[in-house]
Amino acid sequence: MAEMSPLRRRMTEDMTVRNLSPATQRSYLHAVSKFSRHFGRSPDQLGLEDVRAFQVHLVSTGISWPALNQTVCALRFFYGVTLGHGEIPERIPYAREPHKLPVVLNADEVVRFLEAVPSLKTRAALTTAYAAGLRASEAVGLKVGDIDSVRMVIRVEHGKGGKDRTVMLSAQLLGILRIYWRVYGGDKLGQVAAAIGAAAPE
């Protein structure tokens, strides 16, 4: 940190007694040093408006949100612990990372992904979750009796909100579940976390 050897030593001691990891200590010291160099002044001479201006500057450079929040953590620690200004940290806001839309695979990509799964148990669970639109906990909780190959539906018990519902059962999924059942049998269901129930062959 520029022109602040005593502050650096004090901050290092503060982090050490709080058992912060060496990597975190280096990151915090680097962030406060960068803050100091940006203004050409010792950080104990800088205030909230300077912190705000520094945050705006970092955003303008295209810094990642995690890196920006790491800097915020460092400054909050420096002001709140090392300088003892307990009222300041809460006034240094964290950055909220913009929500991004999830990547959605197309049908061919999903098929290739599922075909690449070597374990039949895992492939059956993933295929069931995808084809029937089930949550992971719902797919894992399926029982043999939940599969209705006559009406071609799957009964989902205690789903979201604790409600029961039925979902469509495709012929392709039924075929996979029957293969699973022939290989592992009904007595195997529920013994493996990744396993799911399956319809018995007609």
N, C-alpha and C. Protein backbone atom coordinates (compact mmCIF):
# COMPACT_ATOMS: atom_id res chain seq x y z
N MET A 1 0.84 -1.18 0.00
CA MET A 1 0.00 0.00 0.00
C MET A 1 0.88 1.24 0.00
N ALA A 2 0.63 2.16 -0.88
CA ALA A 2 1.45 3.35 -1.00
C ALA A 2 1.39 4.18 0.27
N GLU A 3 2.57 4.52 0.82
CA GLU A 3 2.71 5.44 1.95
C GLU A 3 1.90 5.01 3.16
N MET A 4 1.83 3.72 3.41
CA MET A 4 1.02 3.32 4.56
C MET A 4 1.51 2.02 5.18
N SER A 5 2.81 1.91 5.36
CA SER A 5 3.36 0.71 5.98
C SER A 5 2.73 0.40 7.33
N PRO A 6 2.52 1.39 8.22
CA PRO A 6 1.86 1.08 9.49
C PRO A 6 0.44 0.55 9.29
N LEU A 7 -0.29 1.12 8.33
CA LEU A 7 -1.64 0.65 8.06
C LEU A 7 -1.62 -0.76 7.49
N ARG A 8 -0.67 -1.01 6.63
CA ARG A 8 -0.56 -2.36 6.05
C ARG A 8 -0.31 -3.38 7.15
N ARG A 9 0.61 -3.04 8.06
CA ARG A 9 0.91 -3.95 9.16
C ARG A 9 -0.31 -4.17 10.05
N ARG A 10 -1.01 -3.09 10.36
CA ARG A 10 -2.19 -3.20 11.22
C ARG A 10 -3.28 -4.03 10.54
N MET A 11 -3.51 -3.78 9.24
CA MET A 11 -4.54 -4.53 8.53
C MET A 11 -4.17 -6.01 8.45
N THR A 12 -2.88 -6.29 8.22
CA THR A 12 -2.43 -7.68 8.17
C THR A 12 -2.66 -8.37 9.50
N GLU A 13 -2.36 -7.68 10.58
CA GLU A 13 -2.59 -8.25 11.91
C GLU A 13 -4.08 -8.49 12.15
N ASP A 14 -4.91 -7.52 11.74
CA ASP A 14 -6.35 -7.67 11.90
C ASP A 14 -6.87 -8.90 11.16
N MET A 15 -6.36 -9.12 9.96
CA MET A 15 -6.80 -10.27 9.18
C MET A 15 -6.28 -11.58 9.77
N THR A 16 -5.05 -11.53 10.30
CA THR A 16 -4.44 -12.73 10.86
C THR A 16 -5.19 -13.21 12.09
N VAL A 17 -5.52 -12.29 13.00
CA VAL A 17 -6.20 -12.69 14.23
C VAL A 17 -7.62 -13.18 13.95
N ARG A 18 -8.15 -12.80 12.79
CA ARG A 18 -9.48 -13.27 12.39
C ARG A 18 -9.41 -14.50 11.51
N ASN A 19 -8.20 -15.02 11.37
CA ASN A 19 -7.97 -16.29 10.67
C ASN A 19 -8.38 -16.24 9.20
N LEU A 20 -8.22 -15.08 8.57
CA LEU A 20 -8.46 -15.02 7.13
C LEU A 20 -7.33 -15.76 6.42
N SER A 21 -7.65 -16.45 5.35
CA SER A 21 -6.66 -17.24 4.64
C SER A 21 -5.60 -16.34 4.02
N PRO A 22 -4.40 -16.86 3.79
CA PRO A 22 -3.35 -16.06 3.14
C PRO A 22 -3.80 -15.50 1.80
N ALA A 23 -4.56 -16.28 1.03
CA ALA A 23 -5.02 -15.80 -0.27
C ALA A 23 -5.97 -14.61 -0.10
N THR A 24 -6.86 -14.69 0.89
CA THR A 24 -7.78 -13.58 1.14
C THR A 24 -7.02 -12.36 1.62
N GLN A 25 -6.03 -12.56 2.46
CA GLN A 25 -5.23 -11.44 2.95
C GLN A 25 -4.52 -10.74 1.79
N ARG A 26 -3.94 -11.51 0.89
CA ARG A 26 -3.26 -10.91 -0.26
C ARG A 26 -4.25 -10.14 -1.12
N SER A 27 -5.43 -10.73 -1.32
CA SER A 27 -6.45 -10.08 -2.15
C SER A 27 -6.90 -8.77 -1.53
N TYR A 28 -7.14 -8.76 -0.22
CA TYR A 28 -7.58 -7.54 0.46
C TYR A 28 -6.51 -6.46 0.41
N LEU A 29 -5.27 -6.84 0.69
CA LEU A 29 -4.18 -5.87 0.66
C LEU A 29 -4.01 -5.28 -0.73
N HIS A 30 -4.12 -6.13 -1.74
CA HIS A 30 -3.99 -5.65 -3.11
C HIS A 30 -5.11 -4.67 -3.45
N ALA A 31 -6.32 -4.98 -3.02
CA ALA A 31 -7.47 -4.12 -3.33
C ALA A 31 -7.32 -2.75 -2.68
N VAL A 32 -6.93 -2.73 -1.40
CA VAL A 32 -6.78 -1.46 -0.70
C VAL A 32 -5.61 -0.67 -1.27
N SER A 33 -4.54 -1.37 -1.66
CA SER A 33 -3.40 -0.71 -2.28
C SER A 33 -3.80 -0.07 -3.61
N LYS A 34 -4.60 -0.79 -4.39
CA LYS A 34 -5.07 -0.26 -5.67
C LYS A 34 -5.96 0.96 -5.46
N PHE A 35 -6.79 0.90 -4.44
CA PHE A 35 -7.66 2.03 -4.07
C PHE A 35 -6.81 3.24 -3.72
N SER A 36 -5.76 3.02 -2.94
CA SER A 36 -4.86 4.11 -2.54
C SER A 36 -4.14 4.71 -3.73
N ARG A 37 -3.62 3.85 -4.60
CA ARG A 37 -2.86 4.34 -5.76
C ARG A 37 -3.75 5.12 -6.72
N HIS A 38 -5.01 4.73 -6.81
CA HIS A 38 -5.92 5.41 -7.73
C HIS A 38 -6.04 6.89 -7.40
N PHE A 39 -6.03 7.21 -6.11
CA PHE A 39 -6.17 8.61 -5.70
C PHE A 39 -4.84 9.25 -5.31
N GLY A 40 -3.80 8.42 -5.22
CA GLY A 40 -2.49 8.96 -4.84
C GLY A 40 -2.44 9.44 -3.40
N ARG A 41 -3.26 8.82 -2.55
CA ARG A 41 -3.30 9.22 -1.15
C ARG A 41 -3.43 7.98 -0.27
N SER A 42 -3.05 8.14 1.00
CA SER A 42 -3.21 7.04 1.94
C SER A 42 -4.70 6.77 2.12
N PRO A 43 -5.10 5.51 2.18
CA PRO A 43 -6.53 5.20 2.23
C PRO A 43 -7.24 5.69 3.49
N ASP A 44 -6.48 5.91 4.57
CA ASP A 44 -7.14 6.43 5.77
C ASP A 44 -7.50 7.91 5.62
N GLN A 45 -7.06 8.51 4.51
CA GLN A 45 -7.42 9.89 4.21
C GLN A 45 -8.55 9.97 3.18
N LEU A 46 -9.06 8.82 2.79
CA LEU A 46 -10.12 8.75 1.78
C LEU A 46 -11.44 8.38 2.45
N GLY A 47 -12.54 8.90 1.89
CA GLY A 47 -13.84 8.67 2.50
C GLY A 47 -14.81 7.95 1.60
N LEU A 48 -16.08 7.98 1.99
CA LEU A 48 -17.11 7.26 1.27
C LEU A 48 -17.28 7.73 -0.17
N GLU A 49 -17.18 9.02 -0.39
CA GLU A 49 -17.30 9.53 -1.76
C GLU A 49 -16.18 9.01 -2.63
N ASP A 50 -15.00 8.86 -2.04
CA ASP A 50 -13.86 8.30 -2.78
C ASP A 50 -14.11 6.82 -3.09
N VAL A 51 -14.68 6.12 -2.13
CA VAL A 51 -15.01 4.71 -2.36
C VAL A 51 -16.00 4.59 -3.51
N ARG A 52 -17.01 5.43 -3.48
CA ARG A 52 -18.03 5.41 -4.53
C ARG A 52 -17.40 5.70 -5.89
N ALA A 53 -16.55 6.72 -5.95
CA ALA A 53 -15.89 7.07 -7.21
C ALA A 53 -15.02 5.92 -7.70
N PHE A 54 -14.38 5.22 -6.77
CA PHE A 54 -13.52 4.10 -7.13
C PHE A 54 -14.35 2.95 -7.69
N GLN A 55 -15.50 2.70 -7.08
CA GLN A 55 -16.38 1.65 -7.59
C GLN A 55 -16.86 1.98 -9.01
N VAL A 56 -17.22 3.23 -9.23
CA VAL A 56 -17.65 3.65 -10.57
C VAL A 56 -16.52 3.45 -11.56
N HIS A 57 -15.30 3.79 -11.14
CA HIS A 57 -14.13 3.61 -12.01
C HIS A 57 -13.93 2.14 -12.35
N LEU A 58 -14.03 1.27 -11.35
CA LEU A 58 -13.82 -0.16 -11.59
C LEU A 58 -14.86 -0.71 -12.56
N VAL A 59 -16.11 -0.29 -12.39
CA VAL A 59 -17.17 -0.75 -13.30
C VAL A 59 -16.87 -0.31 -14.72
N SER A 60 -16.36 0.91 -14.87
CA SER A 60 -16.06 1.44 -16.21
C SER A 60 -14.93 0.68 -16.89
N THR A 61 -14.09 0.00 -16.10
CA THR A 61 -12.99 -0.77 -16.68
C THR A 61 -13.44 -2.16 -17.12
N GLY A 62 -14.69 -2.52 -16.81
CA GLY A 62 -15.20 -3.84 -17.19
C GLY A 62 -14.85 -4.93 -16.20
N ILE A 63 -14.54 -4.56 -14.97
CA ILE A 63 -14.20 -5.55 -13.95
C ILE A 63 -15.37 -6.52 -13.76
N SER A 64 -15.05 -7.76 -13.46
CA SER A 64 -16.10 -8.76 -13.23
C SER A 64 -16.81 -8.45 -11.92
N TRP A 65 -18.06 -8.89 -11.82
CA TRP A 65 -18.83 -8.64 -10.60
C TRP A 65 -18.20 -9.32 -9.39
N PRO A 66 -17.72 -10.56 -9.48
CA PRO A 66 -17.06 -11.16 -8.32
C PRO A 66 -15.82 -10.38 -7.87
N ALA A 67 -15.03 -9.90 -8.84
CA ALA A 67 -13.84 -9.13 -8.49
C ALA A 67 -14.21 -7.81 -7.84
N LEU A 68 -15.28 -7.18 -8.34
CA LEU A 68 -15.74 -5.92 -7.75
C LEU A 68 -16.19 -6.14 -6.32
N ASN A 69 -16.91 -7.21 -6.08
CA ASN A 69 -17.38 -7.48 -4.72
C ASN A 69 -16.25 -7.90 -3.79
N GLN A 70 -15.20 -8.48 -4.36
CA GLN A 70 -14.02 -8.78 -3.54
C GLN A 70 -13.38 -7.49 -3.07
N THR A 71 -13.35 -6.49 -3.94
CA THR A 71 -12.82 -5.18 -3.55
C THR A 71 -13.70 -4.55 -2.48
N VAL A 72 -15.00 -4.68 -2.63
CA VAL A 72 -15.93 -4.15 -1.63
C VAL A 72 -15.67 -4.81 -0.27
N CYS A 73 -15.47 -6.12 -0.26
CA CYS A 73 -15.16 -6.83 0.99
C CYS A 73 -13.90 -6.27 1.63
N ALA A 74 -12.88 -6.04 0.80
CA ALA A 74 -11.62 -5.52 1.32
C ALA A 74 -11.79 -4.14 1.93
N LEU A 75 -12.52 -3.26 1.24
CA LEU A 75 -12.71 -1.90 1.74
C LEU A 75 -13.59 -1.89 2.99
N ARG A 76 -14.58 -2.73 3.01
CA ARG A 76 -15.44 -2.81 4.20
C ARG A 76 -14.63 -3.28 5.41
N PHE A 77 -13.74 -4.24 5.18
CA PHE A 77 -12.88 -4.71 6.26
C PHE A 77 -11.93 -3.61 6.71
N PHE A 78 -11.32 -2.94 5.75
CA PHE A 78 -10.34 -1.90 6.07
C PHE A 78 -10.97 -0.79 6.90
N TYR A 79 -12.12 -0.29 6.45
CA TYR A 79 -12.76 0.81 7.17
C TYR A 79 -13.39 0.34 8.48
N GLY A 80 -14.04 -0.81 8.45
CA GLY A 80 -14.76 -1.25 9.64
C GLY A 80 -13.89 -1.82 10.73
N VAL A 81 -12.83 -2.56 10.33
CA VAL A 81 -11.99 -3.23 11.32
C VAL A 81 -10.70 -2.46 11.58
N THR A 82 -9.92 -2.26 10.53
CA THR A 82 -8.61 -1.64 10.72
C THR A 82 -8.72 -0.19 11.17
N LEU A 83 -9.62 0.58 10.58
CA LEU A 83 -9.79 1.98 10.98
C LEU A 83 -10.82 2.14 12.09
N GLY A 84 -11.61 1.10 12.34
CA GLY A 84 -12.57 1.17 13.42
C GLY A 84 -13.77 2.06 13.16
N HIS A 85 -14.07 2.32 11.89
CA HIS A 85 -15.24 3.13 11.54
C HIS A 85 -16.42 2.18 11.30
N GLY A 86 -17.03 1.73 12.37
CA GLY A 86 -18.06 0.70 12.26
C GLY A 86 -19.27 1.09 11.46
N GLU A 87 -19.50 2.39 11.28
CA GLU A 87 -20.69 2.83 10.56
C GLU A 87 -20.48 2.84 9.04
N ILE A 88 -19.25 2.74 8.60
CA ILE A 88 -18.96 2.89 7.17
C ILE A 88 -19.24 1.63 6.35
N PRO A 89 -18.83 0.43 6.79
CA PRO A 89 -18.98 -0.75 5.93
C PRO A 89 -20.37 -0.94 5.35
N GLU A 90 -21.42 -0.73 6.15
CA GLU A 90 -22.77 -0.94 5.65
C GLU A 90 -23.16 0.07 4.58
N ARG A 91 -22.38 1.12 4.47
CA ARG A 91 -22.68 2.15 3.46
C ARG A 91 -21.86 1.94 2.19
N ILE A 92 -21.08 0.87 2.16
CA ILE A 92 -20.34 0.50 0.94
C ILE A 92 -21.09 -0.67 0.32
N PRO A 93 -21.86 -0.44 -0.73
CA PRO A 93 -22.74 -1.48 -1.26
C PRO A 93 -22.02 -2.53 -2.09
N TYR A 94 -22.54 -3.74 -2.01
CA TYR A 94 -22.08 -4.79 -2.92
C TYR A 94 -22.76 -4.61 -4.27
N ALA A 95 -22.10 -5.10 -5.30
CA ALA A 95 -22.69 -5.04 -6.64
C ALA A 95 -23.62 -6.22 -6.83
N ARG A 96 -24.74 -5.98 -7.46
CA ARG A 96 -25.68 -7.05 -7.78
C ARG A 96 -25.40 -7.53 -9.20
N GLU A 97 -25.06 -8.80 -9.30
CA GLU A 97 -24.74 -9.36 -10.62
C GLU A 97 -26.00 -9.46 -11.47
N PRO A 98 -25.94 -8.97 -12.71
CA PRO A 98 -27.12 -9.05 -13.58
C PRO A 98 -27.54 -10.50 -13.81
N HIS A 99 -28.83 -10.73 -13.80
CA HIS A 99 -29.34 -12.07 -14.06
C HIS A 99 -29.20 -12.39 -15.55
N LYS A 100 -28.69 -13.57 -15.82
CA LYS A 100 -28.54 -14.00 -17.20
C LYS A 100 -29.49 -15.16 -17.48
N LEU A 101 -30.02 -15.17 -18.68
CA LEU A 101 -30.88 -16.28 -19.07
C LEU A 101 -30.05 -17.55 -19.17
N PRO A 102 -30.57 -18.67 -18.69
CA PRO A 102 -29.82 -19.91 -18.79
C PRO A 102 -29.66 -20.36 -20.23
N VAL A 103 -28.59 -21.11 -20.47
CA VAL A 103 -28.36 -21.67 -21.80
C VAL A 103 -29.32 -22.84 -22.00
N VAL A 104 -30.09 -22.80 -23.06
CA VAL A 104 -31.07 -23.85 -23.34
C VAL A 104 -30.56 -24.71 -24.49
N LEU A 105 -30.44 -26.01 -24.24
CA LEU A 105 -29.99 -26.92 -25.29
C LEU A 105 -31.12 -27.21 -26.25
N ASN A 106 -30.76 -27.38 -27.53
CA ASN A 106 -31.79 -27.79 -28.48
C ASN A 106 -31.97 -29.31 -28.38
N ALA A 107 -32.94 -29.82 -29.09
CA ALA A 107 -33.29 -31.24 -28.97
C ALA A 107 -32.12 -32.16 -29.32
N ASP A 108 -31.39 -31.84 -30.39
CA ASP A 108 -30.26 -32.68 -30.78
C ASP A 108 -29.17 -32.68 -29.71
N GLU A 109 -28.91 -31.52 -29.12
CA GLU A 109 -27.89 -31.43 -28.07
C GLU A 109 -28.29 -32.24 -26.85
N VAL A 110 -29.57 -32.20 -26.51
CA VAL A 110 -30.05 -32.98 -25.37
C VAL A 110 -29.87 -34.47 -25.63
N VAL A 111 -30.23 -34.91 -26.83
CA VAL A 111 -30.09 -36.33 -27.18
C VAL A 111 -28.63 -36.76 -27.10
N ARG A 112 -27.73 -35.96 -27.65
CA ARG A 112 -26.30 -36.30 -27.62
C ARG A 112 -25.79 -36.35 -26.18
N PHE A 113 -26.27 -35.41 -25.36
CA PHE A 113 -25.85 -35.37 -23.96
C PHE A 113 -26.29 -36.64 -23.24
N LEU A 114 -27.55 -37.01 -23.41
CA LEU A 114 -28.08 -38.18 -22.71
C LEU A 114 -27.42 -39.46 -23.21
N GLU A 115 -27.17 -39.54 -24.52
CA GLU A 115 -26.53 -40.74 -25.07
C GLU A 115 -25.10 -40.89 -24.57
N ALA A 116 -24.49 -39.78 -24.17
CA ALA A 116 -23.10 -39.83 -23.71
C ALA A 116 -22.98 -40.26 -22.25
N VAL A 117 -24.10 -40.32 -21.54
CA VAL A 117 -24.07 -40.73 -20.13
C VAL A 117 -23.89 -42.24 -20.06
N PRO A 118 -22.79 -42.74 -19.49
CA PRO A 118 -22.52 -44.18 -19.53
C PRO A 118 -23.39 -45.01 -18.60
N SER A 119 -23.79 -44.46 -17.47
CA SER A 119 -24.55 -45.23 -16.48
C SER A 119 -26.03 -45.24 -16.84
N LEU A 120 -26.61 -46.45 -16.90
CA LEU A 120 -28.04 -46.56 -17.20
C LEU A 120 -28.88 -45.89 -16.12
N LYS A 121 -28.48 -46.04 -14.86
CA LYS A 121 -29.22 -45.41 -13.76
C LYS A 121 -29.27 -43.90 -13.93
N THR A 122 -28.10 -43.32 -14.17
CA THR A 122 -28.04 -41.87 -14.32
C THR A 122 -28.78 -41.42 -15.57
N ARG A 123 -28.62 -42.18 -16.67
CA ARG A 123 -29.29 -41.81 -17.92
C ARG A 123 -30.81 -41.88 -17.75
N ALA A 124 -31.29 -42.90 -17.04
CA ALA A 124 -32.72 -43.03 -16.82
C ALA A 124 -33.25 -41.86 -15.99
N ALA A 125 -32.50 -41.48 -14.96
CA ALA A 125 -32.93 -40.37 -14.10
C ALA A 125 -32.96 -39.06 -14.87
N LEU A 126 -31.89 -38.79 -15.63
CA LEU A 126 -31.81 -37.54 -16.39
C LEU A 126 -32.88 -37.49 -17.48
N THR A 127 -33.06 -38.61 -18.17
CA THR A 127 -34.06 -38.65 -19.24
C THR A 127 -35.46 -38.43 -18.68
N THR A 128 -35.75 -39.06 -17.55
CA THR A 128 -37.06 -38.89 -16.93
C THR A 128 -37.29 -37.44 -16.53
N ALA A 129 -36.29 -36.84 -15.89
CA ALA A 129 -36.42 -35.44 -15.46
C ALA A 129 -36.64 -34.53 -16.66
N TYR A 130 -35.90 -34.77 -17.74
CA TYR A 130 -36.01 -33.91 -18.92
C TYR A 130 -37.32 -34.15 -19.66
N ALA A 131 -37.62 -35.41 -19.96
CA ALA A 131 -38.78 -35.73 -20.79
C ALA A 131 -40.10 -35.41 -20.10
N ALA A 132 -40.14 -35.57 -18.78
CA ALA A 132 -41.39 -35.35 -18.05
C ALA A 132 -41.44 -33.98 -17.38
N GLY A 133 -40.35 -33.23 -17.49
CA GLY A 133 -40.33 -31.91 -16.87
C GLY A 133 -40.35 -31.97 -15.35
N LEU A 134 -39.61 -32.91 -14.79
CA LEU A 134 -39.59 -33.09 -13.34
C LEU A 134 -38.39 -32.41 -12.71
N ARG A 135 -38.54 -32.01 -11.47
CA ARG A 135 -37.41 -31.56 -10.69
C ARG A 135 -36.60 -32.78 -10.28
N ALA A 136 -35.33 -32.54 -9.91
CA ALA A 136 -34.47 -33.66 -9.54
C ALA A 136 -35.06 -34.46 -8.39
N SER A 137 -35.57 -33.77 -7.37
CA SER A 137 -36.14 -34.46 -6.21
C SER A 137 -37.37 -35.28 -6.60
N GLU A 138 -38.13 -34.79 -7.59
CA GLU A 138 -39.31 -35.52 -8.04
C GLU A 138 -38.93 -36.77 -8.81
N ALA A 139 -37.91 -36.64 -9.67
CA ALA A 139 -37.47 -37.80 -10.46
C ALA A 139 -36.91 -38.88 -9.55
N VAL A 140 -36.11 -38.48 -8.57
CA VAL A 140 -35.51 -39.45 -7.65
C VAL A 140 -36.57 -40.14 -6.80
N GLY A 141 -37.65 -39.42 -6.50
CA GLY A 141 -38.68 -39.97 -5.63
C GLY A 141 -39.71 -40.84 -6.31
N LEU A 142 -39.64 -41.01 -7.62
CA LEU A 142 -40.63 -41.83 -8.33
C LEU A 142 -40.59 -43.29 -7.90
N LYS A 143 -41.76 -43.91 -7.88
CA LYS A 143 -41.89 -45.33 -7.56
C LYS A 143 -42.51 -46.04 -8.75
N VAL A 144 -42.40 -47.36 -8.75
CA VAL A 144 -42.95 -48.15 -9.85
C VAL A 144 -44.43 -47.85 -10.04
N GLY A 145 -45.15 -47.73 -8.94
CA GLY A 145 -46.58 -47.50 -9.02
C GLY A 145 -46.96 -46.13 -9.56
N ASP A 146 -45.99 -45.24 -9.66
CA ASP A 146 -46.28 -43.90 -10.19
C ASP A 146 -46.35 -43.89 -11.71
N ILE A 147 -45.88 -44.97 -12.34
CA ILE A 147 -45.84 -45.04 -13.80
C ILE A 147 -47.10 -45.75 -14.30
N ASP A 148 -47.91 -45.05 -15.07
CA ASP A 148 -49.15 -45.62 -15.62
C ASP A 148 -48.97 -45.76 -17.12
N SER A 149 -48.61 -46.99 -17.56
CA SER A 149 -48.35 -47.22 -18.98
C SER A 149 -49.62 -47.40 -19.79
N VAL A 150 -50.77 -47.49 -19.12
CA VAL A 150 -52.05 -47.58 -19.83
C VAL A 150 -52.52 -46.18 -20.22
N ARG A 151 -52.54 -45.29 -19.27
CA ARG A 151 -52.95 -43.91 -19.54
C ARG A 151 -51.79 -43.06 -20.05
N MET A 152 -50.56 -43.62 -20.00
CA MET A 152 -49.34 -42.94 -20.44
C MET A 152 -49.14 -41.63 -19.66
N VAL A 153 -49.17 -41.76 -18.35
CA VAL A 153 -48.90 -40.61 -17.48
C VAL A 153 -48.02 -41.06 -16.32
N ILE A 154 -47.38 -40.08 -15.69
CA ILE A 154 -46.59 -40.31 -14.48
C ILE A 154 -47.24 -39.51 -13.36
N ARG A 155 -47.49 -40.15 -12.25
CA ARG A 155 -48.06 -39.46 -11.10
C ARG A 155 -46.91 -38.94 -10.23
N VAL A 156 -46.91 -37.65 -10.00
CA VAL A 156 -45.88 -37.01 -9.16
C VAL A 156 -46.53 -36.63 -7.84
N GLU A 157 -46.07 -37.25 -6.77
CA GLU A 157 -46.65 -36.97 -5.45
C GLU A 157 -45.79 -35.97 -4.68
N HIS A 158 -46.46 -35.09 -3.99
CA HIS A 158 -45.78 -34.10 -3.14
C HIS A 158 -44.75 -33.30 -3.93
N GLY A 159 -45.21 -32.75 -5.04
CA GLY A 159 -44.34 -31.90 -5.86
C GLY A 159 -44.22 -30.51 -5.26
N LYS A 160 -44.02 -29.51 -6.10
CA LYS A 160 -43.87 -28.14 -5.62
C LYS A 160 -45.11 -27.72 -4.86
N GLY A 161 -44.90 -27.17 -3.68
CA GLY A 161 -46.02 -26.76 -2.85
C GLY A 161 -46.72 -27.92 -2.18
N GLY A 162 -46.10 -29.11 -2.23
CA GLY A 162 -46.69 -30.29 -1.61
C GLY A 162 -47.87 -30.86 -2.37
N LYS A 163 -48.06 -30.42 -3.62
CA LYS A 163 -49.22 -30.86 -4.40
C LYS A 163 -48.87 -32.05 -5.30
N ASP A 164 -49.86 -32.90 -5.54
CA ASP A 164 -49.72 -34.01 -6.48
C ASP A 164 -50.12 -33.54 -7.88
N ARG A 165 -49.52 -34.15 -8.88
CA ARG A 165 -49.91 -33.82 -10.26
C ARG A 165 -49.54 -34.99 -11.15
N THR A 166 -50.05 -34.95 -12.39
CA THR A 166 -49.68 -35.96 -13.38
C THR A 166 -49.01 -35.28 -14.56
N VAL A 167 -48.04 -35.97 -15.13
CA VAL A 167 -47.35 -35.46 -16.31
C VAL A 167 -47.38 -36.53 -17.39
N MET A 168 -47.18 -36.12 -18.62
CA MET A 168 -47.25 -37.05 -19.74
C MET A 168 -46.06 -38.01 -19.74
N LEU A 169 -46.30 -39.23 -20.14
CA LEU A 169 -45.28 -40.25 -20.27
C LEU A 169 -45.14 -40.60 -21.75
N SER A 170 -44.01 -40.27 -22.34
CA SER A 170 -43.82 -40.55 -23.76
C SER A 170 -43.46 -42.02 -23.96
N ALA A 171 -43.69 -42.50 -25.18
CA ALA A 171 -43.37 -43.89 -25.49
C ALA A 171 -41.87 -44.13 -25.39
N GLN A 172 -41.06 -43.13 -25.81
CA GLN A 172 -39.61 -43.28 -25.73
C GLN A 172 -39.15 -43.42 -24.28
N LEU A 173 -39.71 -42.57 -23.40
CA LEU A 173 -39.32 -42.64 -21.99
C LEU A 173 -39.78 -43.96 -21.37
N LEU A 174 -40.97 -44.40 -21.73
CA LEU A 174 -41.46 -45.67 -21.20
C LEU A 174 -40.52 -46.81 -21.59
N GLY A 175 -40.01 -46.76 -22.82
CA GLY A 175 -39.07 -47.79 -23.26
C GLY A 175 -37.80 -47.80 -22.43
N ILE A 176 -37.27 -46.61 -22.12
CA ILE A 176 -36.07 -46.52 -21.31
C ILE A 176 -36.32 -47.03 -19.90
N LEU A 177 -37.48 -46.68 -19.34
CA LEU A 177 -37.81 -47.12 -17.99
C LEU A 177 -37.99 -48.64 -17.92
N ARG A 178 -38.53 -49.23 -18.99
CA ARG A 178 -38.69 -50.68 -19.02
C ARG A 178 -37.34 -51.38 -19.09
N ILE A 179 -36.41 -50.80 -19.85
CA ILE A 179 -35.05 -51.37 -19.89
C ILE A 179 -34.43 -51.30 -18.50
N TYR A 180 -34.60 -50.15 -17.86
CA TYR A 180 -34.07 -49.98 -16.51
C TYR A 180 -34.66 -51.04 -15.57
N TRP A 181 -35.96 -51.24 -15.67
CA TRP A 181 -36.64 -52.19 -14.78
C TRP A 181 -36.14 -53.61 -15.02
N ARG A 182 -35.94 -53.98 -16.30
CA ARG A 182 -35.47 -55.33 -16.61
C ARG A 182 -34.05 -55.56 -16.06
N VAL A 183 -33.22 -54.51 -16.12
CA VAL A 183 -31.83 -54.65 -15.67
C VAL A 183 -31.72 -54.68 -14.16
N TYR A 184 -32.42 -53.75 -13.49
CA TYR A 184 -32.24 -53.60 -12.05
C TYR A 184 -33.35 -54.20 -11.21
N GLY A 185 -34.53 -54.34 -11.78
CA GLY A 185 -35.62 -54.92 -11.03
C GLY A 185 -36.22 -53.96 -10.02
N GLY A 186 -37.47 -54.24 -9.65
CA GLY A 186 -38.16 -53.35 -8.73
C GLY A 186 -37.53 -53.26 -7.36
N ASP A 187 -36.86 -54.34 -6.90
CA ASP A 187 -36.31 -54.33 -5.55
C ASP A 187 -35.10 -53.41 -5.44
N LYS A 188 -34.56 -52.97 -6.58
CA LYS A 188 -33.39 -52.10 -6.56
C LYS A 188 -33.77 -50.63 -6.44
N LEU A 189 -35.01 -50.32 -6.75
CA LEU A 189 -35.42 -48.93 -6.79
C LEU A 189 -35.36 -48.30 -5.41
N GLY A 190 -34.88 -47.07 -5.37
CA GLY A 190 -34.82 -46.33 -4.12
C GLY A 190 -33.56 -46.60 -3.32
N GLN A 191 -32.74 -47.58 -3.74
CA GLN A 191 -31.52 -47.89 -3.00
C GLN A 191 -30.35 -47.01 -3.43
N VAL A 192 -30.45 -46.41 -4.58
CA VAL A 192 -29.40 -45.53 -5.09
C VAL A 192 -30.00 -44.16 -5.30
N ALA A 193 -29.32 -43.13 -4.82
CA ALA A 193 -29.87 -41.77 -4.89
C ALA A 193 -30.19 -41.35 -6.31
N ALA A 194 -29.39 -41.82 -7.27
CA ALA A 194 -29.60 -41.42 -8.65
C ALA A 194 -30.67 -42.25 -9.34
N ALA A 195 -31.11 -43.31 -8.69
CA ALA A 195 -32.07 -44.21 -9.32
C ALA A 195 -33.48 -43.65 -9.23
N ILE A 196 -34.31 -44.06 -10.16
CA ILE A 196 -35.71 -43.65 -10.15
C ILE A 196 -36.57 -44.87 -10.37
N GLY A 197 -37.86 -44.77 -10.09
CA GLY A 197 -38.78 -45.86 -10.34
C GLY A 197 -39.01 -46.02 -11.82
N ALA A 198 -39.51 -47.20 -12.21
CA ALA A 198 -39.77 -47.45 -13.62
C ALA A 198 -40.94 -48.40 -13.77
N ALA A 199 -41.60 -48.33 -14.90
CA ALA A 199 -42.75 -49.20 -15.16
C ALA A 199 -42.29 -50.62 -15.45
N ALA A 200 -42.99 -51.57 -14.91
CA ALA A 200 -42.71 -52.97 -15.22
C ALA A 200 -43.15 -53.25 -16.65
N PRO A 201 -42.45 -54.15 -17.34
CA PRO A 201 -42.85 -54.47 -18.71
C PRO A 201 -44.20 -55.15 -18.73
N GLU A 202 -44.94 -54.91 -19.78
CA GLU A 202 -46.26 -55.52 -19.92
C GLU A 202 -46.10 -57.02 -20.16
